[in-house]
Each structure stands twice: as structure tokens, then as C-alpha cells.
Amino acid sequence: MMLAVTGCTNTLPTQSDYKPQDSYRHFAVETIGTYDGVSWYEQGFSLNNYAALELGTVTAERKANQAYVSQSVVDTLRSELEQSLRKRIENHSVKSSMNSKQTLEVAVDVQNIEGVSGAVKPTDFIPIGAVIDLAKVVSGTRDRNLRLIVSVELVESESKQVVGKRLFVITDKGVLENRNSEITVKLLEPDVKEISDNVSAFIEYLSQRS
């Protein structure tokens, strides 16, 4: 018997997910639509202060000791994510109330791609494209989740100052059979859409917040 169900789980980051430069910032839990995450903004931040919104740098990383995810897979994820985000952000316009020439850049970084332990239940959601053996799920032998930590920084184009940041985690449950399972481009495909949807919802929220 085979099981194929859909969806990615969006969760809050843990303390170890923050980078050292985040330590002096006060992140607040902020749920945007169905997306959970934490965010901070400079005092007085508003999209109305900028002439335009554009995609900044898109990066993806992996820990050096993670042999189960190759650099070529990480590079492919970054490329596909950049293409998806560029299309999304082109559809967002900024209604500036000031004579500003400064652009706000949206920089996205997949800070880490890793396999983590965590037994999956038959009722848990599995990303589209992941077809798994139900017997293995029930027996608990498929107990590795795919986890991505995603950072979205709001950067002023001229000063390069970061004026806001959002951090969230995406977990694909049960897509890895064991700690030696390879993380492939196919496994990451649903996450490109999930990240793009999350970032798009964030930008829409910022436009309404202004």
C-alpha cells in the first residue's frame, strides 16, 4: 500500500536557528495568514518610505559536514528559488507617499538544509511528489524530516542597512528514510513554492501594514 499526501509544515525557529548578528534584535512572533515566523523592524519602518521594491540577493547554504546534501543540489535550489521569487516580487508595487529614490531590496537566504530526526505518523502531511511506503511509516523506520531555515531581510538599496527581518522554518515530515538518505532536488521542489508563498504573503502584509 502506498501513501501520498500534500503539504509542508511551517514552524517557528528554535534558539539555535538564529545567527550571531540576530542576538541584539527583539524578534516577535508574527503569524501572517497561515505562515508562522518571527520578525523585527526598525522603528518607523514603512514600505511607503521607498520608491520601489525589488528582489535582492538569494542565497542557500548547507553545513560543511552534511554529505547527504550536495552543493549542486543547494545551487539548483537557489537558482529555482530566485526565478520563482523574481516573478512574485514583480507583481508587488509600492505606493510611496514620499519623494524617495531609495529601493527596498528583499534578500532571501535559506540558512540551512538538513535532515533531522522525528518520527512521522500516517496522519502527518508529506510534500507533493513524496510517495512513501505506508508500512514503513507505521513501523517508524522512516523517521527523518527535511528541515529548512529561511531568512528574509529588508535592505535599503543605498545605505545597505537592514531595516527588518523575518525568520521561519519549513519541515517536510518523513521524506527521508534514515540519516544516510540523500536530499535531492526533487525533494526540495515543494519547498521552492512554500518559501515563495511565504515571502509573497510577507510582502503583502507589509503593504497593508504601511
C-alpha atoms as a PDB file:
ATOM      1  CA  MET A   1       0.000   0.000   0.000  1.00  0.00           C
ATOM      2  CA  MET A   2       1.328   3.446  -0.905  1.00  0.00           C
ATOM      3  CA  LEU A   3       0.593   6.810   0.702  1.00  0.00           C
ATOM      4  CA  ALA A   4       0.833  10.205  -0.990  1.00  0.00           C
ATOM      5  CA  VAL A   5      -0.368  13.318   0.821  1.00  0.00           C
ATOM      6  CA  THR A   6       0.419  17.001   0.425  1.00  0.00           C
ATOM      7  CA  GLY A   7       1.791  19.975   2.308  1.00  0.00           C
ATOM      8  CA  CYS A   8       4.792  21.401   4.181  1.00  0.00           C
ATOM      9  CA  THR A   9       4.803  22.266   7.871  1.00  0.00           C
ATOM     10  CA  ASN A  10       5.728  25.871   8.697  1.00  0.00           C
ATOM     11  CA  THR A  11       7.075  26.336  12.244  1.00  0.00           C
ATOM     12  CA  LEU A  12       8.848  28.842  14.457  1.00  0.00           C
ATOM     13  CA  PRO A  13      12.662  28.819  14.655  1.00  0.00           C
ATOM     14  CA  THR A  14      14.490  27.495  17.704  1.00  0.00           C
ATOM     15  CA  GLN A  15      17.188  29.416  19.561  1.00  0.00           C
ATOM     16  CA  SER A  16      19.954  27.665  17.613  1.00  0.00           C
ATOM     17  CA  ASP A  17      18.461  28.843  14.297  1.00  0.00           C
ATOM     18  CA  TYR A  18      19.381  32.479  14.943  1.00  0.00           C
ATOM     19  CA  LYS A  19      22.648  33.885  13.636  1.00  0.00           C
ATOM     20  CA  PRO A  20      25.024  35.784  15.979  1.00  0.00           C
ATOM     21  CA  GLN A  21      24.057  39.155  14.469  1.00  0.00           C
ATOM     22  CA  ASP A  22      20.442  38.483  15.427  1.00  0.00           C
ATOM     23  CA  SER A  23      21.231  38.319  19.141  1.00  0.00           C
ATOM     24  CA  TYR A  24      20.685  42.030  19.809  1.00  0.00           C
ATOM     25  CA  ARG A  25      17.378  42.207  17.934  1.00  0.00           C
ATOM     26  CA  HIS A  26      13.981  41.711  19.513  1.00  0.00           C
ATOM     27  CA  PHE A  27      12.114  39.221  17.352  1.00  0.00           C
ATOM     28  CA  ALA A  28       8.367  38.966  17.892  1.00  0.00           C
ATOM     29  CA  VAL A  29       6.203  36.020  16.878  1.00  0.00           C
ATOM     30  CA  GLU A  30       4.196  37.112  13.845  1.00  0.00           C
ATOM     31  CA  THR A  31       1.682  34.854  12.115  1.00  0.00           C
ATOM     32  CA  ILE A  32       0.859  36.036   8.597  1.00  0.00           C
ATOM     33  CA  GLY A  33      -2.107  34.169   7.184  1.00  0.00           C
ATOM     34  CA  THR A  34      -1.227  30.521   7.732  1.00  0.00           C
ATOM     35  CA  TYR A  35       2.512  31.189   7.999  1.00  0.00           C
ATOM     36  CA  ASP A  36       4.292  31.236  11.360  1.00  0.00           C
ATOM     37  CA  GLY A  37       7.544  33.093  11.887  1.00  0.00           C
ATOM     38  CA  VAL A  38       9.348  35.744  13.910  1.00  0.00           C
ATOM     39  CA  SER A  39      10.102  39.292  12.731  1.00  0.00           C
ATOM     40  CA  TRP A  40      11.619  42.611  13.709  1.00  0.00           C
ATOM     41  CA  TYR A  41      11.502  46.078  12.106  1.00  0.00           C
ATOM     42  CA  GLU A  42      13.365  49.344  12.578  1.00  0.00           C
ATOM     43  CA  GLN A  43      11.257  51.960  14.316  1.00  0.00           C
ATOM     44  CA  GLY A  44       9.172  53.878  11.788  1.00  0.00           C
ATOM     45  CA  PHE A  45       9.620  51.293   9.039  1.00  0.00           C
ATOM     46  CA  SER A  46       7.060  51.517   6.234  1.00  0.00           C
ATOM     47  CA  LEU A  47       7.001  50.403   2.607  1.00  0.00           C
ATOM     48  CA  ASN A  48       5.676  53.872   1.806  1.00  0.00           C
ATOM     49  CA  ASN A  49       9.165  55.242   2.510  1.00  0.00           C
ATOM     50  CA  TYR A  50      10.550  53.602  -0.630  1.00  0.00           C
ATOM     51  CA  ALA A  51      10.186  54.252  -4.330  1.00  0.00           C
ATOM     52  CA  ALA A  52      10.190  50.604  -5.352  1.00  0.00           C
ATOM     53  CA  LEU A  53      10.514  47.037  -4.165  1.00  0.00           C
ATOM     54  CA  GLU A  54      12.870  44.557  -5.811  1.00  0.00           C
ATOM     55  CA  LEU A  55      14.460  41.182  -5.228  1.00  0.00           C
ATOM     56  CA  GLY A  56      17.865  41.361  -3.590  1.00  0.00           C
ATOM     57  CA  THR A  57      20.341  38.527  -3.203  1.00  0.00           C
ATOM     58  CA  VAL A  58      19.050  34.963  -2.977  1.00  0.00           C
ATOM     59  CA  THR A  59      21.371  32.523  -1.237  1.00  0.00           C
ATOM     60  CA  ALA A  60      21.249  28.959   0.060  1.00  0.00           C
ATOM     61  CA  GLU A  61      23.618  27.240   2.446  1.00  0.00           C
ATOM     62  CA  ARG A  62      24.397  23.885   3.974  1.00  0.00           C
ATOM     63  CA  LYS A  63      26.644  22.831   6.822  1.00  0.00           C
ATOM     64  CA  ALA A  64      30.024  21.570   5.667  1.00  0.00           C
ATOM     65  CA  ASN A  65      29.591  18.158   7.318  1.00  0.00           C
ATOM     66  CA  GLN A  66      26.275  17.399   5.619  1.00  0.00           C
ATOM     67  CA  ALA A  67      27.370  14.893   2.991  1.00  0.00           C
ATOM     68  CA  TYR A  68      23.760  13.896   2.264  1.00  0.00           C
ATOM     69  CA  VAL A  69      23.061  17.194   0.501  1.00  0.00           C
ATOM     70  CA  SER A  70      25.430  18.103  -2.329  1.00  0.00           C
ATOM     71  CA  GLN A  71      26.491  21.618  -3.274  1.00  0.00           C
ATOM     72  CA  SER A  72      24.967  21.137  -6.727  1.00  0.00           C
ATOM     73  CA  VAL A  73      21.569  20.449  -5.125  1.00  0.00           C
ATOM     74  CA  VAL A  74      21.927  23.582  -2.999  1.00  0.00           C
ATOM     75  CA  ASP A  75      22.863  25.625  -6.084  1.00  0.00           C
ATOM     76  CA  THR A  76      19.851  24.306  -8.004  1.00  0.00           C
ATOM     77  CA  LEU A  77      17.542  25.190  -5.118  1.00  0.00           C
ATOM     78  CA  ARG A  78      18.958  28.715  -5.029  1.00  0.00           C
ATOM     79  CA  SER A  79      18.526  29.183  -8.786  1.00  0.00           C
ATOM     80  CA  GLU A  80      14.944  27.889  -8.880  1.00  0.00           C
ATOM     81  CA  LEU A  81      14.014  29.910  -5.807  1.00  0.00           C
ATOM     82  CA  GLU A  82      15.452  33.087  -7.326  1.00  0.00           C
ATOM     83  CA  GLN A  83      13.401  32.630 -10.506  1.00  0.00           C
ATOM     84  CA  SER A  84      10.221  31.996  -8.526  1.00  0.00           C
ATOM     85  CA  LEU A  85      10.748  34.954  -6.185  1.00  0.00           C
ATOM     86  CA  ARG A  86      11.551  37.329  -9.033  1.00  0.00           C
ATOM     87  CA  LYS A  87       8.188  36.599 -10.651  1.00  0.00           C
ATOM     88  CA  ARG A  88       6.365  37.040  -7.341  1.00  0.00           C
ATOM     89  CA  ILE A  89       8.017  40.315  -6.385  1.00  0.00           C
ATOM     90  CA  GLU A  90       7.484  41.810  -9.844  1.00  0.00           C
ATOM     91  CA  ASN A  91       3.755  41.594  -9.108  1.00  0.00           C
ATOM     92  CA  HIS A  92       4.053  43.728  -5.965  1.00  0.00           C
ATOM     93  CA  SER A  93       4.006  47.507  -6.383  1.00  0.00           C
ATOM     94  CA  VAL A  94       4.860  50.174  -3.807  1.00  0.00           C
ATOM     95  CA  LYS A  95       2.711  53.280  -3.348  1.00  0.00           C
ATOM     96  CA  SER A  96       5.249  55.733  -1.981  1.00  0.00           C
ATOM     97  CA  SER A  97       3.971  58.751  -0.084  1.00  0.00           C
ATOM     98  CA  MET A  98       7.409  60.382  -0.169  1.00  0.00           C
ATOM     99  CA  ASN A  99       9.763  61.618  -2.881  1.00  0.00           C
ATOM    100  CA  SER A 100      12.161  58.806  -2.151  1.00  0.00           C
ATOM    101  CA  LYS A 101      14.576  57.418  -4.707  1.00  0.00           C
ATOM    102  CA  GLN A 102      15.600  54.555  -2.461  1.00  0.00           C
ATOM    103  CA  THR A 103      14.589  51.000  -3.294  1.00  0.00           C
ATOM    104  CA  LEU A 104      13.833  48.331  -0.716  1.00  0.00           C
ATOM    105  CA  GLU A 105      15.505  45.025  -1.528  1.00  0.00           C
ATOM    106  CA  VAL A 106      14.104  41.698  -0.334  1.00  0.00           C
ATOM    107  CA  ALA A 107      17.057  39.381   0.336  1.00  0.00           C
ATOM    108  CA  VAL A 108      16.258  35.710   0.933  1.00  0.00           C
ATOM    109  CA  ASP A 109      18.644  33.199   2.473  1.00  0.00           C
ATOM    110  CA  VAL A 110      17.981  29.512   3.037  1.00  0.00           C
ATOM    111  CA  GLN A 111      20.309  29.404   6.040  1.00  0.00           C
ATOM    112  CA  ASN A 112      20.457  25.648   6.319  1.00  0.00           C
ATOM    113  CA  ILE A 113      19.140  22.494   4.663  1.00  0.00           C
ATOM    114  CA  GLU A 114      19.304  19.455   6.894  1.00  0.00           C
ATOM    115  CA  GLY A 115      17.831  16.086   7.752  1.00  0.00           C
ATOM    116  CA  VAL A 116      16.631  15.855  11.344  1.00  0.00           C
ATOM    117  CA  SER A 117      15.153  13.075  13.428  1.00  0.00           C
ATOM    118  CA  GLY A 118      11.454  12.967  14.161  1.00  0.00           C
ATOM    119  CA  ALA A 119       9.111  10.022  13.773  1.00  0.00           C
ATOM    120  CA  VAL A 120       6.345  10.623  11.251  1.00  0.00           C
ATOM    121  CA  LYS A 121       2.792   9.393  11.727  1.00  0.00           C
ATOM    122  CA  PRO A 122       0.450   8.215   8.940  1.00  0.00           C
ATOM    123  CA  THR A 123      -1.655  11.323   9.608  1.00  0.00           C
ATOM    124  CA  ASP A 124       1.241  13.741   9.098  1.00  0.00           C
ATOM    125  CA  PHE A 125       1.497  15.740   5.903  1.00  0.00           C
ATOM    126  CA  ILE A 126       4.107  14.814   3.311  1.00  0.00           C
ATOM    127  CA  PRO A 127       5.137  17.218   0.482  1.00  0.00           C
ATOM    128  CA  ILE A 128       3.714  16.749  -3.014  1.00  0.00           C
ATOM    129  CA  GLY A 129       5.812  14.307  -5.005  1.00  0.00           C
ATOM    130  CA  ALA A 130       6.914  12.328  -1.968  1.00  0.00           C
ATOM    131  CA  VAL A 131       5.355   8.868  -2.278  1.00  0.00           C
ATOM    132  CA  ILE A 132       6.189   6.676   0.678  1.00  0.00           C
ATOM    133  CA  ASP A 133       5.543   3.131   1.813  1.00  0.00           C
ATOM    134  CA  LEU A 134       2.805   3.203   4.450  1.00  0.00           C
ATOM    135  CA  ALA A 135       4.236   0.131   6.179  1.00  0.00           C
ATOM    136  CA  LYS A 136       7.486   1.984   6.815  1.00  0.00           C
ATOM    137  CA  VAL A 137       5.604   4.960   8.223  1.00  0.00           C
ATOM    138  CA  VAL A 138       3.608   2.771  10.598  1.00  0.00           C
ATOM    139  CA  SER A 139       6.670   0.825  11.720  1.00  0.00           C
ATOM    140  CA  GLY A 140       8.569   4.045  12.322  1.00  0.00           C
ATOM    141  CA  THR A 141      11.538   3.173  10.116  1.00  0.00           C
ATOM    142  CA  ARG A 142      11.048   6.340   8.103  1.00  0.00           C
ATOM    143  CA  ASP A 143      11.851   8.831  10.818  1.00  0.00           C
ATOM    144  CA  ARG A 144      13.840  11.644   9.222  1.00  0.00           C
ATOM    145  CA  ASN A 145      12.436  15.039   8.346  1.00  0.00           C
ATOM    146  CA  LEU A 146      13.790  17.587   5.890  1.00  0.00           C
ATOM    147  CA  ARG A 147      14.212  20.975   7.595  1.00  0.00           C
ATOM    148  CA  LEU A 148      14.989  24.378   6.058  1.00  0.00           C
ATOM    149  CA  ILE A 149      15.683  27.603   7.950  1.00  0.00           C
ATOM    150  CA  VAL A 150      14.727  30.663   5.880  1.00  0.00           C
ATOM    151  CA  SER A 151      15.671  34.294   6.482  1.00  0.00           C
ATOM    152  CA  VAL A 152      14.080  37.274   4.696  1.00  0.00           C
ATOM    153  CA  GLU A 153      15.919  40.593   5.118  1.00  0.00           C
ATOM    154  CA  LEU A 154      14.613  44.013   4.099  1.00  0.00           C
ATOM    155  CA  VAL A 155      17.620  46.010   2.872  1.00  0.00           C
ATOM    156  CA  GLU A 156      17.807  49.670   1.813  1.00  0.00           C
ATOM    157  CA  SER A 157      19.431  49.843  -1.628  1.00  0.00           C
ATOM    158  CA  GLU A 158      21.648  52.886  -0.986  1.00  0.00           C
ATOM    159  CA  SER A 159      22.677  52.525   2.645  1.00  0.00           C
ATOM    160  CA  LYS A 160      22.581  48.692   2.598  1.00  0.00           C
ATOM    161  CA  GLN A 161      21.072  48.927   6.072  1.00  0.00           C
ATOM    162  CA  VAL A 162      18.864  46.038   7.153  1.00  0.00           C
ATOM    163  CA  VAL A 163      15.606  47.621   8.330  1.00  0.00           C
ATOM    164  CA  GLY A 164      13.634  44.457   9.021  1.00  0.00           C
ATOM    165  CA  LYS A 165      13.910  40.697   9.058  1.00  0.00           C
ATOM    166  CA  ARG A 166      11.687  37.631   9.160  1.00  0.00           C
ATOM    167  CA  LEU A 167      12.787  34.120  10.098  1.00  0.00           C
ATOM    168  CA  PHE A 168      10.799  30.919   9.630  1.00  0.00           C
ATOM    169  CA  VAL A 169      11.298  27.165   9.372  1.00  0.00           C
ATOM    170  CA  ILE A 170       9.872  24.674   6.873  1.00  0.00           C
ATOM    171  CA  THR A 171       9.726  20.995   7.805  1.00  0.00           C
ATOM    172  CA  ASP A 172       8.896  18.194   5.363  1.00  0.00           C
ATOM    173  CA  LYS A 173       7.952  15.246   7.538  1.00  0.00           C
ATOM    174  CA  GLY A 174       9.050  11.700   6.790  1.00  0.00           C
ATOM    175  CA  VAL A 175      10.618  12.309   3.395  1.00  0.00           C
ATOM    176  CA  LEU A 176      13.974  10.830   4.461  1.00  0.00           C
ATOM    177  CA  GLU A 177      14.277   7.165   5.393  1.00  0.00           C
ATOM    178  CA  ASN A 178      17.402   7.423   7.533  1.00  0.00           C
ATOM    179  CA  ARG A 179      20.349   9.684   8.304  1.00  0.00           C
ATOM    180  CA  ASN A 180      22.142   8.489   5.160  1.00  0.00           C
ATOM    181  CA  SER A 181      19.253   9.368   2.827  1.00  0.00           C
ATOM    182  CA  GLU A 182      20.263  11.812   0.127  1.00  0.00           C
ATOM    183  CA  ILE A 183      18.475  15.159  -0.119  1.00  0.00           C
ATOM    184  CA  THR A 184      17.643  15.620  -3.802  1.00  0.00           C
ATOM    185  CA  VAL A 185      16.359  18.436  -5.997  1.00  0.00           C
ATOM    186  CA  LYS A 186      13.051  16.582  -6.342  1.00  0.00           C
ATOM    187  CA  LEU A 187      12.578  16.529  -2.573  1.00  0.00           C
ATOM    188  CA  LEU A 188      13.203  20.280  -2.415  1.00  0.00           C
ATOM    189  CA  GLU A 189      10.841  21.256  -5.252  1.00  0.00           C
ATOM    190  CA  PRO A 190       7.780  21.702  -2.979  1.00  0.00           C
ATOM    191  CA  ASP A 191       9.848  23.939  -0.716  1.00  0.00           C
ATOM    192  CA  VAL A 192      10.550  26.412  -3.534  1.00  0.00           C
ATOM    193  CA  LYS A 193       6.821  27.100  -3.775  1.00  0.00           C
ATOM    194  CA  GLU A 194       6.374  27.097   0.003  1.00  0.00           C
ATOM    195  CA  ILE A 195       9.142  29.663   0.503  1.00  0.00           C
ATOM    196  CA  SER A 196       7.859  31.799  -2.387  1.00  0.00           C
ATOM    197  CA  ASP A 197       4.317  31.722  -0.970  1.00  0.00           C
ATOM    198  CA  ASN A 198       5.616  32.660   2.469  1.00  0.00           C
ATOM    199  CA  VAL A 199       7.693  35.581   1.166  1.00  0.00           C
ATOM    200  CA  SER A 200       4.829  36.804  -1.030  1.00  0.00           C
ATOM    201  CA  ALA A 201       2.451  36.770   1.957  1.00  0.00           C
ATOM    202  CA  PHE A 202       5.056  38.684   3.981  1.00  0.00           C
ATOM    203  CA  ILE A 203       5.320  41.419   1.348  1.00  0.00           C
ATOM    204  CA  GLU A 204       1.543  41.688   1.067  1.00  0.00           C
ATOM    205  CA  TYR A 205       1.375  42.025   4.843  1.00  0.00           C
ATOM    206  CA  LEU A 206       3.978  44.814   4.775  1.00  0.00           C
ATOM    207  CA  SER A 207       1.999  46.737   2.150  1.00  0.00           C
ATOM    208  CA  GLN A 208      -1.112  46.570   4.336  1.00  0.00           C
ATOM    209  CA  ARG A 209       0.899  47.420   7.447  1.00  0.00           C
ATOM    210  CA  SER A 210       2.251  50.657   5.943  1.00  0.00           C
END
